[in-house]
């Protein structure tokens, strides 16, 4: 299981979400963020003092996936978020030790993006039969 964290330009979020949907990657969290990467820093004058405006608006997308979906998700994000300019963002992929779906109690692979979304979870059926 992996946690994919992508930091992308705000104007590319809809493209990224559409690409993830087309890749059958479901279940994600989107939040606003401010940060600094390789962008050129802007210098503004505020009350007579020069101030570096180093933070820029970004969007953070977090997706918990089974190993099968890692490459699909990363490829979809890269393809849809890339402009070719500085500040396109980063993708971090980290191993996840444990996942629990609160609603059903499903754990680990069954609690993240299913391998086959058409099939119901076996642990959910077994525990609720």
C-alpha atoms as a PDB file:
ATOM      1  CA  UNK A   1       0.000   0.000   0.000  1.00  0.00           C
ATOM      2  CA  UNK A   2       1.165   3.485  -0.807  1.00  0.00           C
ATOM      3  CA  UNK A   3       0.294   7.041   0.082  1.00  0.00           C
ATOM      4  CA  UNK A   4       0.717   9.290  -2.920  1.00  0.00           C
ATOM      5  CA  UNK A   5       1.029  12.980  -2.084  1.00  0.00           C
ATOM      6  CA  UNK A   6       1.025  15.340  -5.037  1.00  0.00           C
ATOM      7  CA  UNK A   7       1.617  19.077  -4.839  1.00  0.00           C
ATOM      8  CA  UNK A   8       0.298  20.732  -8.007  1.00  0.00           C
ATOM      9  CA  UNK A   9      -0.635  24.111  -9.442  1.00  0.00           C
ATOM     10  CA  UNK A  10      -4.202  25.163  -8.519  1.00  0.00           C
ATOM     11  CA  UNK A  11      -5.123  25.643 -12.174  1.00  0.00           C
ATOM     12  CA  UNK A  12      -4.232  21.998 -12.924  1.00  0.00           C
ATOM     13  CA  UNK A  13      -6.373  20.381 -10.219  1.00  0.00           C
ATOM     14  CA  UNK A  14      -9.402  19.681 -12.423  1.00  0.00           C
ATOM     15  CA  UNK A  15      -7.157  18.106 -15.073  1.00  0.00           C
ATOM     16  CA  UNK A  16      -5.498  15.921 -12.435  1.00  0.00           C
ATOM     17  CA  UNK A  17      -8.823  14.822 -10.952  1.00  0.00           C
ATOM     18  CA  UNK A  18     -10.146  13.934 -14.413  1.00  0.00           C
ATOM     19  CA  UNK A  19      -6.997  11.936 -15.228  1.00  0.00           C
ATOM     20  CA  UNK A  20      -7.210  10.032 -11.924  1.00  0.00           C
ATOM     21  CA  UNK A  21     -10.890   9.268 -12.565  1.00  0.00           C
ATOM     22  CA  UNK A  22     -10.049   7.943 -16.044  1.00  0.00           C
ATOM     23  CA  UNK A  23      -7.344   5.725 -14.479  1.00  0.00           C
ATOM     24  CA  UNK A  24      -9.954   4.297 -12.039  1.00  0.00           C
ATOM     25  CA  UNK A  25      -8.117   5.786  -9.066  1.00  0.00           C
ATOM     26  CA  UNK A  26     -10.713   6.666  -6.442  1.00  0.00           C
ATOM     27  CA  UNK A  27     -10.693   7.996  -2.901  1.00  0.00           C
ATOM     28  CA  UNK A  28      -8.579  11.068  -2.399  1.00  0.00           C
ATOM     29  CA  UNK A  29      -8.214  14.170  -0.289  1.00  0.00           C
ATOM     30  CA  UNK A  30      -7.633  17.637  -1.731  1.00  0.00           C
ATOM     31  CA  UNK A  31      -6.472  20.596   0.341  1.00  0.00           C
ATOM     32  CA  UNK A  32      -5.058  24.017  -0.335  1.00  0.00           C
ATOM     33  CA  UNK A  33      -1.452  24.698   0.523  1.00  0.00           C
ATOM     34  CA  UNK A  34       1.170  27.406   0.243  1.00  0.00           C
ATOM     35  CA  UNK A  35       4.765  26.590  -0.417  1.00  0.00           C
ATOM     36  CA  UNK A  36       7.974  27.306  -2.200  1.00  0.00           C
ATOM     37  CA  UNK A  37       9.894  25.206  -4.640  1.00  0.00           C
ATOM     38  CA  UNK A  38      11.960  26.431  -7.543  1.00  0.00           C
ATOM     39  CA  UNK A  39       9.761  29.388  -8.416  1.00  0.00           C
ATOM     40  CA  UNK A  40      11.351  32.788  -8.752  1.00  0.00           C
ATOM     41  CA  UNK A  41      10.788  34.750  -5.592  1.00  0.00           C
ATOM     42  CA  UNK A  42       8.820  37.974  -5.932  1.00  0.00           C
ATOM     43  CA  UNK A  43      10.016  41.041  -4.056  1.00  0.00           C
ATOM     44  CA  UNK A  44       7.394  43.568  -2.984  1.00  0.00           C
ATOM     45  CA  UNK A  45       7.566  46.755  -0.998  1.00  0.00           C
ATOM     46  CA  UNK A  46       5.395  46.738   2.116  1.00  0.00           C
ATOM     47  CA  UNK A  47       5.350  49.880   4.268  1.00  0.00           C
ATOM     48  CA  UNK A  48       8.684  50.980   2.858  1.00  0.00           C
ATOM     49  CA  UNK A  49      10.387  47.619   3.466  1.00  0.00           C
ATOM     50  CA  UNK A  50      11.301  45.131   0.760  1.00  0.00           C
ATOM     51  CA  UNK A  51       9.652  41.770   1.480  1.00  0.00           C
ATOM     52  CA  UNK A  52      10.238  38.514  -0.381  1.00  0.00           C
ATOM     53  CA  UNK A  53       6.930  36.874  -1.223  1.00  0.00           C
ATOM     54  CA  UNK A  54       8.326  33.340  -1.171  1.00  0.00           C
ATOM     55  CA  UNK A  55       5.148  31.297  -0.744  1.00  0.00           C
ATOM     56  CA  UNK A  56       2.866  30.482  -3.656  1.00  0.00           C
ATOM     57  CA  UNK A  57      -0.549  28.839  -3.747  1.00  0.00           C
ATOM     58  CA  UNK A  58      -0.551  25.100  -4.407  1.00  0.00           C
ATOM     59  CA  UNK A  59      -2.960  22.211  -4.024  1.00  0.00           C
ATOM     60  CA  UNK A  60      -2.105  19.044  -2.118  1.00  0.00           C
ATOM     61  CA  UNK A  61      -3.706  15.802  -3.276  1.00  0.00           C
ATOM     62  CA  UNK A  62      -3.366  12.690  -1.122  1.00  0.00           C
ATOM     63  CA  UNK A  63      -4.353   9.250  -2.364  1.00  0.00           C
ATOM     64  CA  UNK A  64      -4.093   5.919  -0.552  1.00  0.00           C
ATOM     65  CA  UNK A  65      -3.744   3.109  -3.089  1.00  0.00           C
ATOM     66  CA  UNK A  66      -2.932  -0.566  -3.310  1.00  0.00           C
ATOM     67  CA  UNK A  67       0.421  -1.294  -4.963  1.00  0.00           C
ATOM     68  CA  UNK A  68      -1.359  -2.137  -8.218  1.00  0.00           C
ATOM     69  CA  UNK A  69      -2.543   1.472  -8.611  1.00  0.00           C
ATOM     70  CA  UNK A  70       0.718   3.277  -7.743  1.00  0.00           C
ATOM     71  CA  UNK A  71       2.066   3.627 -11.283  1.00  0.00           C
ATOM     72  CA  UNK A  72      -1.369   4.368 -12.733  1.00  0.00           C
ATOM     73  CA  UNK A  73      -1.912   7.206 -10.272  1.00  0.00           C
ATOM     74  CA  UNK A  74       1.577   8.697 -10.583  1.00  0.00           C
ATOM     75  CA  UNK A  75       1.479   8.560 -14.389  1.00  0.00           C
ATOM     76  CA  UNK A  76      -1.970  10.192 -14.466  1.00  0.00           C
ATOM     77  CA  UNK A  77      -0.812  13.020 -12.191  1.00  0.00           C
ATOM     78  CA  UNK A  78       2.394  13.688 -14.117  1.00  0.00           C
ATOM     79  CA  UNK A  79       0.625  13.626 -17.471  1.00  0.00           C
ATOM     80  CA  UNK A  80      -2.157  15.981 -16.383  1.00  0.00           C
ATOM     81  CA  UNK A  81      -0.259  18.391 -14.099  1.00  0.00           C
ATOM     82  CA  UNK A  82       2.784  19.103 -16.277  1.00  0.00           C
ATOM     83  CA  UNK A  83       3.083  22.502 -17.928  1.00  0.00           C
ATOM     84  CA  UNK A  84       6.834  22.309 -18.459  1.00  0.00           C
ATOM     85  CA  UNK A  85       7.452  25.347 -16.286  1.00  0.00           C
ATOM     86  CA  UNK A  86       9.090  25.785 -12.918  1.00  0.00           C
ATOM     87  CA  UNK A  87       6.553  25.197 -10.161  1.00  0.00           C
ATOM     88  CA  UNK A  88       4.671  22.265 -11.690  1.00  0.00           C
ATOM     89  CA  UNK A  89       4.972  20.468  -8.350  1.00  0.00           C
ATOM     90  CA  UNK A  90       6.169  17.204  -6.864  1.00  0.00           C
ATOM     91  CA  UNK A  91       4.834  13.733  -6.161  1.00  0.00           C
ATOM     92  CA  UNK A  92       5.879  11.823  -3.058  1.00  0.00           C
ATOM     93  CA  UNK A  93       5.177   8.095  -2.765  1.00  0.00           C
ATOM     94  CA  UNK A  94       5.493   6.590   0.704  1.00  0.00           C
ATOM     95  CA  UNK A  95       4.886   3.110   2.081  1.00  0.00           C
ATOM     96  CA  UNK A  96       1.910   2.732   4.394  1.00  0.00           C
ATOM     97  CA  UNK A  97       2.027   0.318   7.313  1.00  0.00           C
ATOM     98  CA  UNK A  98      -1.690   0.091   8.035  1.00  0.00           C
ATOM     99  CA  UNK A  99      -5.005   1.458   6.788  1.00  0.00           C
ATOM    100  CA  UNK A 100      -8.444   1.056   8.384  1.00  0.00           C
ATOM    101  CA  UNK A 101     -11.693   2.123   6.733  1.00  0.00           C
ATOM    102  CA  UNK A 102     -13.705   3.579   9.602  1.00  0.00           C
ATOM    103  CA  UNK A 103     -17.145   2.859   8.126  1.00  0.00           C
ATOM    104  CA  UNK A 104     -16.658  -0.891   7.550  1.00  0.00           C
ATOM    105  CA  UNK A 105     -13.607  -1.834   9.574  1.00  0.00           C
ATOM    106  CA  UNK A 106     -11.876  -3.105   6.420  1.00  0.00           C
ATOM    107  CA  UNK A 107      -8.132  -3.038   6.752  1.00  0.00           C
ATOM    108  CA  UNK A 108      -5.067  -2.583   4.593  1.00  0.00           C
ATOM    109  CA  UNK A 109      -5.493  -3.354   0.867  1.00  0.00           C
ATOM    110  CA  UNK A 110      -9.272  -3.751   1.205  1.00  0.00           C
ATOM    111  CA  UNK A 111      -9.482  -0.309   2.831  1.00  0.00           C
ATOM    112  CA  UNK A 112      -7.810   1.535  -0.050  1.00  0.00           C
ATOM    113  CA  UNK A 113      -8.525   1.686  -3.766  1.00  0.00           C
ATOM    114  CA  UNK A 114      -9.838  -1.800  -4.595  1.00  0.00           C
ATOM    115  CA  UNK A 115      -8.003  -3.977  -7.093  1.00  0.00           C
ATOM    116  CA  UNK A 116     -11.326  -4.648  -8.851  1.00  0.00           C
ATOM    117  CA  UNK A 117     -13.915  -2.006  -7.948  1.00  0.00           C
ATOM    118  CA  UNK A 118     -16.736  -4.171  -9.397  1.00  0.00           C
ATOM    119  CA  UNK A 119     -16.306  -6.877  -6.739  1.00  0.00           C
ATOM    120  CA  UNK A 120     -17.523  -6.294  -3.186  1.00  0.00           C
ATOM    121  CA  UNK A 121     -15.002  -6.624  -0.399  1.00  0.00           C
ATOM    122  CA  UNK A 122     -14.822 -10.185   0.889  1.00  0.00           C
ATOM    123  CA  UNK A 123     -14.120  -9.152   4.481  1.00  0.00           C
ATOM    124  CA  UNK A 124     -17.171  -6.900   4.460  1.00  0.00           C
ATOM    125  CA  UNK A 125     -19.398  -9.721   3.144  1.00  0.00           C
ATOM    126  CA  UNK A 126     -17.959 -12.275   5.596  1.00  0.00           C
ATOM    127  CA  UNK A 127     -18.380 -10.024   8.604  1.00  0.00           C
ATOM    128  CA  UNK A 128     -21.921  -8.951   7.688  1.00  0.00           C
ATOM    129  CA  UNK A 129     -23.447 -12.228   6.434  1.00  0.00           C
END
